[in-house]
Full PDB file with SEQRES, HELIX, SHEET, SSBOND, CRYST1, ORIGX, SCALE, CONECT and MASTER records, all heavy atoms in Angstrom:
SEQRES   1 A   35  PRO HIS VAL PHE ALA VAL GLN GLY GLU GLN GLN PHE THR          
SEQRES   2 A   35  GLY GLU LEU ASP LEU PHE THR ASP HIS GLN ILE LEU VAL          
SEQRES   3 A   35  SER GLY ARG THR ARG GLY ASP SER ARG                          
HELIX    1 AA1 LEU A   16  PHE A   19  5                                   4    
CRYST1    1.000    1.000    1.000  90.00  90.00  90.00 P 1           1          
ORIGX1      1.000000  0.000000  0.000000        0.00000                         
ORIGX2      0.000000  1.000000  0.000000        0.00000                         
ORIGX3      0.000000  0.000000  1.000000        0.00000                         
SCALE1      1.000000  0.000000  0.000000        0.00000                         
SCALE2      0.000000  1.000000  0.000000        0.00000                         
SCALE3      0.000000  0.000000  1.000000        0.00000                         
ATOM      1  N   PRO A   1     -55.658  57.602 -24.912  1.00  0.00           N  
ATOM      2  CA  PRO A   1     -56.375  57.779 -26.049  1.00  0.00           C  
ATOM      3  C   PRO A   1     -57.214  59.106 -26.164  1.00  0.00           C  
ATOM      4  O   PRO A   1     -57.704  59.524 -24.987  1.00  0.00           O  
ATOM      5  CB  PRO A   1     -57.298  56.491 -26.064  1.00  0.00           C  
ATOM      6  CG  PRO A   1     -57.436  56.133 -24.605  1.00  0.00           C  
ATOM      7  CD  PRO A   1     -56.066  56.548 -23.942  1.00  0.00           C  
ATOM      8  N   HIS A   2     -57.468  59.606 -27.168  1.00  0.00           N  
ATOM      9  CA  HIS A   2     -58.246  60.762 -27.392  1.00  0.00           C  
ATOM     10  C   HIS A   2     -59.108  60.636 -28.661  1.00  0.00           C  
ATOM     11  O   HIS A   2     -58.549  60.617 -29.776  1.00  0.00           O  
ATOM     12  CB  HIS A   2     -57.420  62.070 -27.475  1.00  0.00           C  
ATOM     13  CG  HIS A   2     -58.103  63.283 -28.102  1.00  0.00           C  
ATOM     14  ND1 HIS A   2     -57.884  63.818 -29.222  1.00  0.00           N  
ATOM     15  CD2 HIS A   2     -59.083  63.964 -27.420  1.00  0.00           C  
ATOM     16  CE1 HIS A   2     -58.584  64.844 -29.518  1.00  0.00           C  
ATOM     17  NE2 HIS A   2     -59.415  64.939 -28.291  1.00  0.00           N  
ATOM     18  N   VAL A   3     -60.351  60.498 -28.449  1.00  0.00           N  
ATOM     19  CA  VAL A   3     -61.273  60.316 -29.678  1.00  0.00           C  
ATOM     20  C   VAL A   3     -61.460  61.723 -30.353  1.00  0.00           C  
ATOM     21  O   VAL A   3     -61.836  62.637 -29.667  1.00  0.00           O  
ATOM     22  CB  VAL A   3     -62.598  59.784 -29.305  1.00  0.00           C  
ATOM     23  CG1 VAL A   3     -63.598  59.712 -30.405  1.00  0.00           C  
ATOM     24  CG2 VAL A   3     -62.616  58.300 -28.642  1.00  0.00           C  
ATOM     25  N   PHE A   4     -61.161  61.764 -31.642  1.00  0.00           N  
ATOM     26  CA  PHE A   4     -61.278  62.993 -32.459  1.00  0.00           C  
ATOM     27  C   PHE A   4     -62.244  62.915 -33.585  1.00  0.00           C  
ATOM     28  O   PHE A   4     -62.525  64.038 -34.155  1.00  0.00           O  
ATOM     29  CB  PHE A   4     -59.842  63.534 -32.841  1.00  0.00           C  
ATOM     30  CG  PHE A   4     -59.198  62.698 -33.724  1.00  0.00           C  
ATOM     31  CD1 PHE A   4     -59.535  62.972 -35.224  1.00  0.00           C  
ATOM     32  CD2 PHE A   4     -58.452  61.717 -33.502  1.00  0.00           C  
ATOM     33  CE1 PHE A   4     -58.830  62.149 -36.163  1.00  0.00           C  
ATOM     34  CE2 PHE A   4     -57.706  60.875 -34.456  1.00  0.00           C  
ATOM     35  CZ  PHE A   4     -58.030  61.115 -35.831  1.00  0.00           C  
ATOM     36  N   ALA A   5     -62.721  61.715 -33.900  1.00  0.00           N  
ATOM     37  CA  ALA A   5     -63.722  61.660 -34.883  1.00  0.00           C  
ATOM     38  C   ALA A   5     -64.530  60.437 -34.740  1.00  0.00           C  
ATOM     39  O   ALA A   5     -64.032  59.477 -34.230  1.00  0.00           O  
ATOM     40  CB  ALA A   5     -63.070  61.678 -36.380  1.00  0.00           C  
ATOM     41  N   VAL A   6     -65.673  60.469 -35.460  1.00  0.00           N  
ATOM     42  CA  VAL A   6     -66.590  59.315 -35.388  1.00  0.00           C  
ATOM     43  C   VAL A   6     -67.248  59.145 -36.775  1.00  0.00           C  
ATOM     44  O   VAL A   6     -67.735  60.094 -37.359  1.00  0.00           O  
ATOM     45  CB  VAL A   6     -67.780  59.447 -34.353  1.00  0.00           C  
ATOM     46  CG1 VAL A   6     -68.760  58.286 -34.370  1.00  0.00           C  
ATOM     47  CG2 VAL A   6     -67.136  59.681 -32.965  1.00  0.00           C  
ATOM     48  N   GLN A   7     -66.903  57.934 -37.350  1.00  0.00           N  
ATOM     49  CA  GLN A   7     -67.538  57.602 -38.589  1.00  0.00           C  
ATOM     50  C   GLN A   7     -68.814  56.759 -38.391  1.00  0.00           C  
ATOM     51  O   GLN A   7     -68.816  55.734 -37.875  1.00  0.00           O  
ATOM     52  CB  GLN A   7     -66.490  56.896 -39.443  1.00  0.00           C  
ATOM     53  CG  GLN A   7     -65.185  57.507 -39.554  1.00  0.00           C  
ATOM     54  CD  GLN A   7     -65.008  58.312 -40.894  1.00  0.00           C  
ATOM     55  OE1 GLN A   7     -64.107  57.954 -41.604  1.00  0.00           O  
ATOM     56  NE2 GLN A   7     -65.778  59.178 -41.008  1.00  0.00           N  
ATOM     57  N   GLY A   8     -70.034  57.282 -39.045  1.00  0.00           N  
ATOM     58  CA  GLY A   8     -71.303  56.568 -38.872  1.00  0.00           C  
ATOM     59  C   GLY A   8     -71.624  55.843 -40.153  1.00  0.00           C  
ATOM     60  O   GLY A   8     -70.742  55.515 -41.058  1.00  0.00           O  
ATOM     61  N   GLU A   9     -72.908  55.582 -40.294  1.00  0.00           N  
ATOM     62  CA  GLU A   9     -73.388  54.653 -41.355  1.00  0.00           C  
ATOM     63  C   GLU A   9     -73.097  55.424 -42.731  1.00  0.00           C  
ATOM     64  O   GLU A   9     -73.314  56.517 -42.860  1.00  0.00           O  
ATOM     65  CB  GLU A   9     -74.865  54.449 -41.315  1.00  0.00           C  
ATOM     66  CG  GLU A   9     -75.231  53.629 -39.949  1.00  0.00           C  
ATOM     67  CD  GLU A   9     -76.684  53.501 -39.754  1.00  0.00           C  
ATOM     68  OE1 GLU A   9     -77.473  53.974 -40.632  1.00  0.00           O  
ATOM     69  OE2 GLU A   9     -77.056  52.958 -38.665  1.00  0.00           O  
ATOM     70  N   GLN A  10     -72.673  54.584 -43.713  1.00  0.00           N  
ATOM     71  CA  GLN A  10     -72.426  54.824 -45.074  1.00  0.00           C  
ATOM     72  C   GLN A  10     -71.004  55.768 -45.210  1.00  0.00           C  
ATOM     73  O   GLN A  10     -70.809  56.343 -46.200  1.00  0.00           O  
ATOM     74  CB  GLN A  10     -73.535  55.738 -45.669  1.00  0.00           C  
ATOM     75  CG  GLN A  10     -74.878  54.916 -45.930  1.00  0.00           C  
ATOM     76  CD  GLN A  10     -75.936  55.662 -46.500  1.00  0.00           C  
ATOM     77  OE1 GLN A  10     -76.564  56.554 -45.860  1.00  0.00           O  
ATOM     78  NE2 GLN A  10     -76.190  55.464 -47.818  1.00  0.00           N  
ATOM     79  N   GLN A  11     -70.279  55.821 -44.056  1.00  0.00           N  
ATOM     80  CA  GLN A  11     -69.073  56.448 -44.098  1.00  0.00           C  
ATOM     81  C   GLN A  11     -67.888  55.335 -44.057  1.00  0.00           C  
ATOM     82  O   GLN A  11     -68.199  54.101 -43.913  1.00  0.00           O  
ATOM     83  CB  GLN A  11     -68.840  57.401 -42.894  1.00  0.00           C  
ATOM     84  CG  GLN A  11     -69.835  58.691 -43.026  1.00  0.00           C  
ATOM     85  CD  GLN A  11     -69.641  59.555 -41.954  1.00  0.00           C  
ATOM     86  OE1 GLN A  11     -69.657  59.192 -40.737  1.00  0.00           O  
ATOM     87  NE2 GLN A  11     -69.502  60.800 -42.272  1.00  0.00           N  
ATOM     88  N   PHE A  12     -66.722  55.789 -44.292  1.00  0.00           N  
ATOM     89  CA  PHE A  12     -65.573  54.784 -44.346  1.00  0.00           C  
ATOM     90  C   PHE A  12     -64.340  55.296 -43.737  1.00  0.00           C  
ATOM     91  O   PHE A  12     -64.157  56.435 -43.376  1.00  0.00           O  
ATOM     92  CB  PHE A  12     -65.301  54.549 -45.837  1.00  0.00           C  
ATOM     93  CG  PHE A  12     -65.039  55.801 -46.634  1.00  0.00           C  
ATOM     94  CD1 PHE A  12     -63.748  56.398 -46.660  1.00  0.00           C  
ATOM     95  CD2 PHE A  12     -65.996  56.290 -47.400  1.00  0.00           C  
ATOM     96  CE1 PHE A  12     -63.499  57.480 -47.383  1.00  0.00           C  
ATOM     97  CE2 PHE A  12     -65.772  57.543 -48.182  1.00  0.00           C  
ATOM     98  CZ  PHE A  12     -64.522  58.135 -48.224  1.00  0.00           C  
ATOM     99  N   THR A  13     -63.516  54.417 -43.166  1.00  0.00           N  
ATOM    100  CA  THR A  13     -62.310  54.612 -42.465  1.00  0.00           C  
ATOM    101  C   THR A  13     -61.129  54.890 -43.437  1.00  0.00           C  
ATOM    102  O   THR A  13     -61.074  54.488 -44.623  1.00  0.00           O  
ATOM    103  CB  THR A  13     -61.955  53.601 -41.458  1.00  0.00           C  
ATOM    104  OG1 THR A  13     -61.685  52.237 -42.287  1.00  0.00           O  
ATOM    105  CG2 THR A  13     -63.118  53.252 -40.564  1.00  0.00           C  
ATOM    106  N   GLY A  14     -60.013  55.449 -42.922  1.00  0.00           N  
ATOM    107  CA  GLY A  14     -58.733  55.415 -43.666  1.00  0.00           C  
ATOM    108  C   GLY A  14     -58.293  56.700 -43.981  1.00  0.00           C  
ATOM    109  O   GLY A  14     -59.049  57.742 -43.931  1.00  0.00           O  
ATOM    110  N   GLU A  15     -56.936  56.867 -44.248  1.00  0.00           N  
ATOM    111  CA  GLU A  15     -56.428  58.056 -44.843  1.00  0.00           C  
ATOM    112  C   GLU A  15     -55.246  57.615 -45.704  1.00  0.00           C  
ATOM    113  O   GLU A  15     -55.191  56.520 -46.153  1.00  0.00           O  
ATOM    114  CB  GLU A  15     -56.083  59.062 -43.768  1.00  0.00           C  
ATOM    115  CG  GLU A  15     -55.168  58.639 -42.703  1.00  0.00           C  
ATOM    116  CD  GLU A  15     -53.682  59.194 -42.844  1.00  0.00           C  
ATOM    117  OE1 GLU A  15     -53.495  60.372 -43.309  1.00  0.00           O  
ATOM    118  OE2 GLU A  15     -52.792  58.461 -42.574  1.00  0.00           O  
ATOM    119  N   LEU A  16     -54.253  58.550 -46.013  1.00  0.00           N  
ATOM    120  CA  LEU A  16     -53.364  58.169 -47.046  1.00  0.00           C  
ATOM    121  C   LEU A  16     -52.449  57.114 -46.855  1.00  0.00           C  
ATOM    122  O   LEU A  16     -51.997  56.496 -47.808  1.00  0.00           O  
ATOM    123  CB  LEU A  16     -52.417  59.456 -47.252  1.00  0.00           C  
ATOM    124  CG  LEU A  16     -53.179  60.757 -47.875  1.00  0.00           C  
ATOM    125  CD1 LEU A  16     -52.265  61.889 -47.959  1.00  0.00           C  
ATOM    126  CD2 LEU A  16     -53.679  60.274 -49.302  1.00  0.00           C  
ATOM    127  N   ASP A  17     -52.276  56.760 -45.555  1.00  0.00           N  
ATOM    128  CA  ASP A  17     -51.400  55.536 -45.344  1.00  0.00           C  
ATOM    129  C   ASP A  17     -51.979  54.293 -45.814  1.00  0.00           C  
ATOM    130  O   ASP A  17     -51.305  53.214 -45.860  1.00  0.00           O  
ATOM    131  CB  ASP A  17     -51.048  55.483 -43.885  1.00  0.00           C  
ATOM    132  CG  ASP A  17     -49.886  56.414 -43.566  1.00  0.00           C  
ATOM    133  OD1 ASP A  17     -49.195  56.908 -44.335  1.00  0.00           O  
ATOM    134  OD2 ASP A  17     -49.835  56.828 -42.233  1.00  0.00           O  
ATOM    135  N   LEU A  18     -53.284  54.208 -46.180  1.00  0.00           N  
ATOM    136  CA  LEU A  18     -53.854  53.061 -46.773  1.00  0.00           C  
ATOM    137  C   LEU A  18     -53.183  52.607 -48.161  1.00  0.00           C  
ATOM    138  O   LEU A  18     -53.361  51.616 -48.732  1.00  0.00           O  
ATOM    139  CB  LEU A  18     -55.346  53.124 -46.965  1.00  0.00           C  
ATOM    140  CG  LEU A  18     -56.080  52.401 -45.795  1.00  0.00           C  
ATOM    141  CD1 LEU A  18     -55.869  53.083 -44.441  1.00  0.00           C  
ATOM    142  CD2 LEU A  18     -57.625  52.311 -46.088  1.00  0.00           C  
ATOM    143  N   PHE A  19     -52.464  53.755 -48.783  1.00  0.00           N  
ATOM    144  CA  PHE A  19     -51.870  53.472 -50.061  1.00  0.00           C  
ATOM    145  C   PHE A  19     -50.392  53.160 -49.984  1.00  0.00           C  
ATOM    146  O   PHE A  19     -49.737  53.003 -50.928  1.00  0.00           O  
ATOM    147  CB  PHE A  19     -52.024  54.743 -50.940  1.00  0.00           C  
ATOM    148  CG  PHE A  19     -53.436  55.024 -51.352  1.00  0.00           C  
ATOM    149  CD1 PHE A  19     -54.192  56.036 -50.866  1.00  0.00           C  
ATOM    150  CD2 PHE A  19     -53.935  54.169 -52.396  1.00  0.00           C  
ATOM    151  CE1 PHE A  19     -55.538  56.213 -51.348  1.00  0.00           C  
ATOM    152  CE2 PHE A  19     -55.245  54.461 -52.945  1.00  0.00           C  
ATOM    153  CZ  PHE A  19     -55.987  55.419 -52.318  1.00  0.00           C  
ATOM    154  N   THR A  20     -49.884  53.089 -48.687  1.00  0.00           N  
ATOM    155  CA  THR A  20     -48.497  52.854 -48.480  1.00  0.00           C  
ATOM    156  C   THR A  20     -48.287  51.614 -47.552  1.00  0.00           C  
ATOM    157  O   THR A  20     -49.063  50.966 -47.061  1.00  0.00           O  
ATOM    158  CB  THR A  20     -47.949  54.054 -47.824  1.00  0.00           C  
ATOM    159  OG1 THR A  20     -48.188  54.202 -46.490  1.00  0.00           O  
ATOM    160  CG2 THR A  20     -48.269  55.349 -48.551  1.00  0.00           C  
ATOM    161  N   ASP A  21     -46.960  51.380 -47.380  1.00  0.00           N  
ATOM    162  CA  ASP A  21     -46.598  50.344 -46.332  1.00  0.00           C  
ATOM    163  C   ASP A  21     -46.154  51.033 -45.057  1.00  0.00           C  
ATOM    164  O   ASP A  21     -45.592  50.442 -44.138  1.00  0.00           O  
ATOM    165  CB  ASP A  21     -45.463  49.474 -46.856  1.00  0.00           C  
ATOM    166  CG  ASP A  21     -45.131  48.341 -46.081  1.00  0.00           C  
ATOM    167  OD1 ASP A  21     -46.077  47.722 -45.527  1.00  0.00           O  
ATOM    168  OD2 ASP A  21     -43.976  47.886 -45.855  1.00  0.00           O  
ATOM    169  N   HIS A  22     -46.595  52.226 -44.880  1.00  0.00           N  
ATOM    170  CA  HIS A  22     -46.283  53.032 -43.612  1.00  0.00           C  
ATOM    171  C   HIS A  22     -47.050  52.522 -42.472  1.00  0.00           C  
ATOM    172  O   HIS A  22     -48.134  51.951 -42.556  1.00  0.00           O  
ATOM    173  CB  HIS A  22     -46.534  54.551 -43.853  1.00  0.00           C  
ATOM    174  CG  HIS A  22     -45.709  55.160 -44.919  1.00  0.00           C  
ATOM    175  ND1 HIS A  22     -45.783  56.466 -45.246  1.00  0.00           N  
ATOM    176  CD2 HIS A  22     -44.727  54.653 -45.645  1.00  0.00           C  
ATOM    177  CE1 HIS A  22     -44.854  56.681 -46.201  1.00  0.00           C  
ATOM    178  NE2 HIS A  22     -44.246  55.738 -46.548  1.00  0.00           N  
ATOM    179  N   GLN A  23     -46.542  52.735 -41.268  1.00  0.00           N  
ATOM    180  CA  GLN A  23     -47.389  52.658 -40.125  1.00  0.00           C  
ATOM    181  C   GLN A  23     -48.447  53.628 -40.017  1.00  0.00           C  
ATOM    182  O   GLN A  23     -48.171  54.897 -40.289  1.00  0.00           O  
ATOM    183  CB  GLN A  23     -46.423  52.677 -38.779  1.00  0.00           C  
ATOM    184  CG  GLN A  23     -45.506  51.657 -38.776  1.00  0.00           C  
ATOM    185  CD  GLN A  23     -44.705  51.778 -37.422  1.00  0.00           C  
ATOM    186  OE1 GLN A  23     -44.775  52.731 -36.523  1.00  0.00           O  
ATOM    187  NE2 GLN A  23     -43.524  50.982 -37.306  1.00  0.00           N  
ATOM    188  N   ILE A  24     -49.670  53.278 -39.687  1.00  0.00           N  
ATOM    189  CA  ILE A  24     -50.815  54.133 -39.620  1.00  0.00           C  
ATOM    190  C   ILE A  24     -50.738  55.100 -38.469  1.00  0.00           C  
ATOM    191  O   ILE A  24     -50.113  54.687 -37.385  1.00  0.00           O  
ATOM    192  CB  ILE A  24     -52.090  53.456 -39.799  1.00  0.00           C  
ATOM    193  CG1 ILE A  24     -52.358  52.547 -38.522  1.00  0.00           C  
ATOM    194  CG2 ILE A  24     -52.196  52.665 -41.111  1.00  0.00           C  
ATOM    195  CD1 ILE A  24     -53.841  52.013 -38.453  1.00  0.00           C  
ATOM    196  N   LEU A  25     -51.356  56.190 -38.442  1.00  0.00           N  
ATOM    197  CA  LEU A  25     -51.187  57.144 -37.344  1.00  0.00           C  
ATOM    198  C   LEU A  25     -52.321  57.099 -36.395  1.00  0.00           C  
ATOM    199  O   LEU A  25     -52.169  57.668 -35.220  1.00  0.00           O  
ATOM    200  CB  LEU A  25     -51.153  58.600 -38.102  1.00  0.00           C  
ATOM    201  CG  LEU A  25     -50.130  58.941 -39.071  1.00  0.00           C  
ATOM    202  CD1 LEU A  25     -50.376  60.254 -39.671  1.00  0.00           C  
ATOM    203  CD2 LEU A  25     -48.756  58.946 -38.417  1.00  0.00           C  
ATOM    204  N   VAL A  26     -53.443  56.481 -36.631  1.00  0.00           N  
ATOM    205  CA  VAL A  26     -54.575  56.555 -35.791  1.00  0.00           C  
ATOM    206  C   VAL A  26     -55.107  55.101 -35.401  1.00  0.00           C  
ATOM    207  O   VAL A  26     -54.796  54.203 -36.153  1.00  0.00           O  
ATOM    208  CB  VAL A  26     -55.730  57.330 -36.383  1.00  0.00           C  
ATOM    209  CG1 VAL A  26     -55.308  58.734 -36.631  1.00  0.00           C  
ATOM    210  CG2 VAL A  26     -56.373  56.708 -37.671  1.00  0.00           C  
ATOM    211  N   SER A  27     -55.917  54.990 -34.399  1.00  0.00           N  
ATOM    212  CA  SER A  27     -56.532  53.711 -34.034  1.00  0.00           C  
ATOM    213  C   SER A  27     -58.078  53.811 -34.287  1.00  0.00           C  
ATOM    214  O   SER A  27     -58.597  55.076 -34.211  1.00  0.00           O  
ATOM    215  CB  SER A  27     -56.198  53.374 -32.529  1.00  0.00           C  
ATOM    216  OG  SER A  27     -54.805  53.269 -32.398  1.00  0.00           O  
ATOM    217  N   GLY A  28     -58.762  52.788 -34.469  1.00  0.00           N  
ATOM    218  CA  GLY A  28     -60.168  52.753 -34.615  1.00  0.00           C  
ATOM    219  C   GLY A  28     -60.897  51.606 -33.901  1.00  0.00           C  
ATOM    220  O   GLY A  28     -60.255  50.510 -33.975  1.00  0.00           O  
ATOM    221  N   ARG A  29     -61.995  51.849 -33.282  1.00  0.00           N  
ATOM    222  CA  ARG A  29     -62.736  50.840 -32.647  1.00  0.00           C  
ATOM    223  C   ARG A  29     -64.245  51.159 -32.784  1.00  0.00           C  
ATOM    224  O   ARG A  29     -64.629  52.228 -32.959  1.00  0.00           O  
ATOM    225  CB  ARG A  29     -62.474  50.816 -31.106  1.00  0.00           C  
ATOM    226  CG  ARG A  29     -62.747  52.107 -30.306  1.00  0.00           C  
ATOM    227  CD  ARG A  29     -62.106  52.189 -28.967  1.00  0.00           C  
ATOM    228  NE  ARG A  29     -62.480  53.479 -28.280  1.00  0.00           N  
ATOM    229  CZ  ARG A  29     -61.835  53.951 -27.404  1.00  0.00           C  
ATOM    230  NH1 ARG A  29     -60.715  53.351 -26.870  1.00  0.00           N  
ATOM    231  NH2 ARG A  29     -62.138  55.202 -26.780  1.00  0.00           N  
ATOM    232  N   THR A  30     -64.948  50.078 -32.711  1.00  0.00           N  
ATOM    233  CA  THR A  30     -66.473  50.307 -32.920  1.00  0.00           C  
ATOM    234  C   THR A  30     -67.054  50.869 -31.713  1.00  0.00           C  
ATOM    235  O   THR A  30     -66.723  50.697 -30.487  1.00  0.00           O  
ATOM    236  CB  THR A  30     -67.118  48.806 -33.115  1.00  0.00           C  
ATOM    237  OG1 THR A  30     -66.796  48.059 -32.095  1.00  0.00           O  
ATOM    238  CG2 THR A  30     -66.682  48.226 -34.517  1.00  0.00           C  
ATOM    239  N   ARG A  31     -68.033  51.673 -31.958  1.00  0.00           N  
ATOM    240  CA  ARG A  31     -68.857  52.463 -30.894  1.00  0.00           C  
ATOM    241  C   ARG A  31     -70.221  51.711 -30.890  1.00  0.00           C  
ATOM    242  O   ARG A  31     -71.109  51.956 -31.740  1.00  0.00           O  
ATOM    243  CB  ARG A  31     -68.981  53.938 -31.183  1.00  0.00           C  
ATOM    244  CG  ARG A  31     -69.978  54.570 -30.134  1.00  0.00           C  
ATOM    245  CD  ARG A  31     -70.178  55.996 -30.471  1.00  0.00           C  
ATOM    246  NE  ARG A  31     -69.131  56.807 -30.010  1.00  0.00           N  
ATOM    247  CZ  ARG A  31     -69.155  58.194 -30.085  1.00  0.00           C  
ATOM    248  NH1 ARG A  31     -70.244  58.754 -30.444  1.00  0.00           N  
ATOM    249  NH2 ARG A  31     -68.029  58.840 -29.635  1.00  0.00           N  
ATOM    250  N   GLY A  32     -70.337  50.751 -30.071  1.00  0.00           N  
ATOM    251  CA  GLY A  32     -71.490  49.973 -30.049  1.00  0.00           C  
ATOM    252  C   GLY A  32     -71.517  48.866 -31.037  1.00  0.00           C  
ATOM    253  O   GLY A  32     -70.570  48.765 -31.944  1.00  0.00           O  
ATOM    254  N   ASP A  33     -72.452  47.923 -31.014  1.00  0.00           N  
ATOM    255  CA  ASP A  33     -72.498  46.960 -32.129  1.00  0.00           C  
ATOM    256  C   ASP A  33     -72.659  47.424 -33.374  1.00  0.00           C  
ATOM    257  O   ASP A  33     -73.483  48.400 -33.637  1.00  0.00           O  
ATOM    258  CB  ASP A  33     -73.740  45.923 -31.647  1.00  0.00           C  
ATOM    259  CG  ASP A  33     -73.589  45.220 -30.349  1.00  0.00           C  
ATOM    260  OD1 ASP A  33     -72.488  45.207 -29.855  1.00  0.00           O  
ATOM    261  OD2 ASP A  33     -74.522  44.646 -29.931  1.00  0.00           O  
ATOM    262  N   SER A  34     -71.837  46.891 -34.381  1.00  0.00           N  
ATOM    263  CA  SER A  34     -71.789  47.551 -35.695  1.00  0.00           C  
ATOM    264  C   SER A  34     -71.701  46.489 -36.710  1.00  0.00           C  
ATOM    265  O   SER A  34     -71.395  45.249 -36.441  1.00  0.00           O  
ATOM    266  CB  SER A  34     -70.500  48.423 -35.845  1.00  0.00           C  
ATOM    267  OG  SER A  34     -70.638  49.466 -34.858  1.00  0.00           O  
ATOM    268  N   ARG A  35     -72.151  46.763 -37.994  1.00  0.00           N  
ATOM    269  CA  ARG A  35     -72.063  45.963 -39.156  1.00  0.00           C  
ATOM    270  C   ARG A  35     -71.124  46.747 -40.175  1.00  0.00           C  
ATOM    271  O   ARG A  35     -71.388  47.897 -40.534  1.00  0.00           O  
ATOM    272  CB  ARG A  35     -73.381  45.641 -39.691  1.00  0.00           C  
ATOM    273  CG  ARG A  35     -73.338  44.604 -40.794  1.00  0.00           C  
ATOM    274  CD  ARG A  35     -74.819  43.913 -40.933  1.00  0.00           C  
ATOM    275  NE  ARG A  35     -75.906  44.903 -41.199  1.00  0.00           N  
ATOM    276  CZ  ARG A  35     -76.330  45.099 -42.427  1.00  0.00           C  
ATOM    277  NH1 ARG A  35     -75.940  44.555 -43.465  1.00  0.00           N  
ATOM    278  NH2 ARG A  35     -77.284  46.123 -42.535  1.00  0.00           N  
TER     279      ARG A  35                                                      
MASTER        0    0    0    1    0    0    0    6  278    1    0    3          
END                                                                             
């Protein structure tokens, strides 16, 4: 694994594959306890 971006408060995940039935390109995990 190679972390290349961090999304913080009031930001959102996703890219174009959320509009398709394609396999997504990236993985995402929480950094610390999150809501």
